[in-house]
Amino acid sequence: MPEIKRITAIKTDIKSILNGMFIRQDGLNPSYVLTNLGQKLSRVRVLATVVDKFISADEQYAVITLDDSTETIRAKAFKLISILQSVDKGDLVDVIGKVRLY
């Protein structure tokens, strides 16, 4: 059985993600954002400040809003939200995640 490798996270700014075109893929091919410079962003790394935070009452869903001075974006976590419980507004965070369209 071939070894499955994780896609490398690409360091980027939020504006590049939001201004790009989201390309949805089927099956095992990961969806990605195609930037104006032709870069494919599927798994990204963003350094930003937390400007808002929400955790659902049942603690199955959490959202933080990130601002890196170019734009703002929301990062979501489902079920395993313990990593976001210690994050507060004003914290500087280094987030790695997959780009999704909701």
Protein backbone atom coordinates (compact mmCIF):
# COMPACT_ATOMS: atom_id res chain seq x y z
CA MET A 1 0.00 0.00 0.00
CA PRO A 2 1.49 3.40 -0.95
CA GLU A 3 2.32 5.84 1.82
CA ILE A 4 -0.07 8.81 2.01
CA LYS A 5 1.77 12.08 2.59
CA ARG A 6 0.28 15.22 4.08
CA ILE A 7 0.21 18.25 1.80
CA THR A 8 2.77 20.89 2.81
CA ALA A 9 1.23 24.00 4.37
CA ILE A 10 2.08 27.13 2.40
CA LYS A 11 2.65 30.37 4.34
CA THR A 12 0.39 33.04 2.92
CA ASP A 13 -1.62 36.12 3.82
CA ILE A 14 -5.40 36.12 4.19
CA LYS A 15 -5.92 38.50 1.27
CA SER A 16 -4.36 35.98 -1.15
CA ILE A 17 -6.79 33.30 0.04
CA LEU A 18 -9.89 35.52 -0.22
CA ASN A 19 -8.97 37.07 -3.60
CA GLY A 20 -8.24 33.69 -5.19
CA MET A 21 -10.66 31.39 -7.00
CA PHE A 22 -11.85 28.32 -5.07
CA ILE A 23 -11.51 25.11 -7.12
CA ARG A 24 -13.57 22.18 -5.79
CA GLN A 25 -12.13 18.72 -6.48
CA ASP A 26 -13.81 15.33 -6.13
CA GLY A 27 -12.53 12.15 -4.51
CA LEU A 28 -9.06 12.11 -2.98
CA ASN A 29 -7.90 15.20 -4.86
CA PRO A 30 -7.86 18.15 -2.43
CA SER A 31 -9.82 21.31 -3.23
CA TYR A 32 -7.70 24.46 -3.39
CA VAL A 33 -7.64 28.22 -3.94
CA LEU A 34 -5.92 29.39 -7.11
CA THR A 35 -4.29 32.75 -6.33
CA ASN A 36 -3.85 35.64 -8.74
CA LEU A 37 -0.18 34.58 -9.05
CA GLY A 38 -1.13 31.01 -10.04
CA GLN A 39 -0.27 29.42 -6.70
CA LYS A 40 -2.46 26.52 -5.49
CA LEU A 41 -3.34 26.84 -1.80
CA SER A 42 -4.88 23.71 -0.28
CA ARG A 43 -3.27 23.64 3.16
CA VAL A 44 -2.17 27.05 4.45
CA ARG A 45 -0.28 28.64 7.32
CA VAL A 46 -1.39 32.09 8.50
CA LEU A 47 0.06 34.27 11.26
CA ALA A 48 -2.70 36.55 12.56
CA THR A 49 -4.37 38.17 15.55
CA VAL A 50 -7.61 36.75 16.98
CA VAL A 51 -10.28 39.48 16.78
CA ASP A 52 -13.34 37.37 17.68
CA LYS A 53 -14.10 33.97 19.19
CA PHE A 54 -17.23 31.78 19.46
CA ILE A 55 -17.73 28.36 21.06
CA SER A 56 -21.13 26.66 20.78
CA ALA A 57 -23.03 25.76 23.97
CA ASP A 58 -22.57 22.03 23.34
CA GLU A 59 -18.84 22.56 22.65
CA GLN A 60 -19.00 20.71 19.33
CA TYR A 61 -18.15 23.76 17.20
CA ALA A 62 -15.80 26.74 17.55
CA VAL A 63 -14.87 29.72 15.37
CA ILE A 64 -12.12 32.31 15.63
CA THR A 65 -11.87 35.35 13.38
CA LEU A 66 -8.32 36.11 12.29
CA ASP A 67 -6.86 39.44 11.12
CA ASP A 68 -3.37 39.65 9.58
CA SER A 69 -3.69 43.34 8.54
CA THR A 70 -4.43 42.39 4.91
CA GLU A 71 -7.94 40.99 5.54
CA THR A 72 -9.97 38.90 8.01
CA ILE A 73 -11.06 35.26 7.78
CA ARG A 74 -12.78 32.73 10.03
CA ALA A 75 -11.13 29.49 11.15
CA LYS A 76 -13.51 26.75 12.25
CA ALA A 77 -13.04 23.63 14.36
CA PHE A 78 -15.53 20.80 14.77
CA LYS A 79 -15.81 18.30 17.66
CA LEU A 80 -12.18 18.57 18.90
CA ILE A 81 -12.25 22.23 19.89
CA SER A 82 -9.96 22.00 22.93
CA ILE A 83 -7.16 23.71 21.01
CA LEU A 84 -9.27 26.88 20.65
CA GLN A 85 -10.52 27.05 24.25
CA SER A 86 -7.26 28.61 25.50
CA VAL A 87 -7.20 31.23 22.72
CA ASP A 88 -8.49 34.72 23.56
CA LYS A 89 -9.17 37.94 21.64
CA GLY A 90 -5.91 39.78 20.99
CA ASP A 91 -3.75 36.63 20.92
CA LEU A 92 -1.26 36.20 18.10
CA VAL A 93 -1.73 32.74 16.58
CA ASP A 94 0.01 30.68 13.91
CA VAL A 95 -2.76 28.65 12.25
CA ILE A 96 -2.33 25.72 9.87
CA GLY A 97 -5.44 24.42 8.17
CA LYS A 98 -7.17 23.32 5.01
CA VAL A 99 -8.92 25.87 2.83
CA ARG A 100 -12.65 25.17 2.61
CA LEU A 101 -15.70 26.97 1.26
CA TYR A 102 -18.78 27.18 3.54
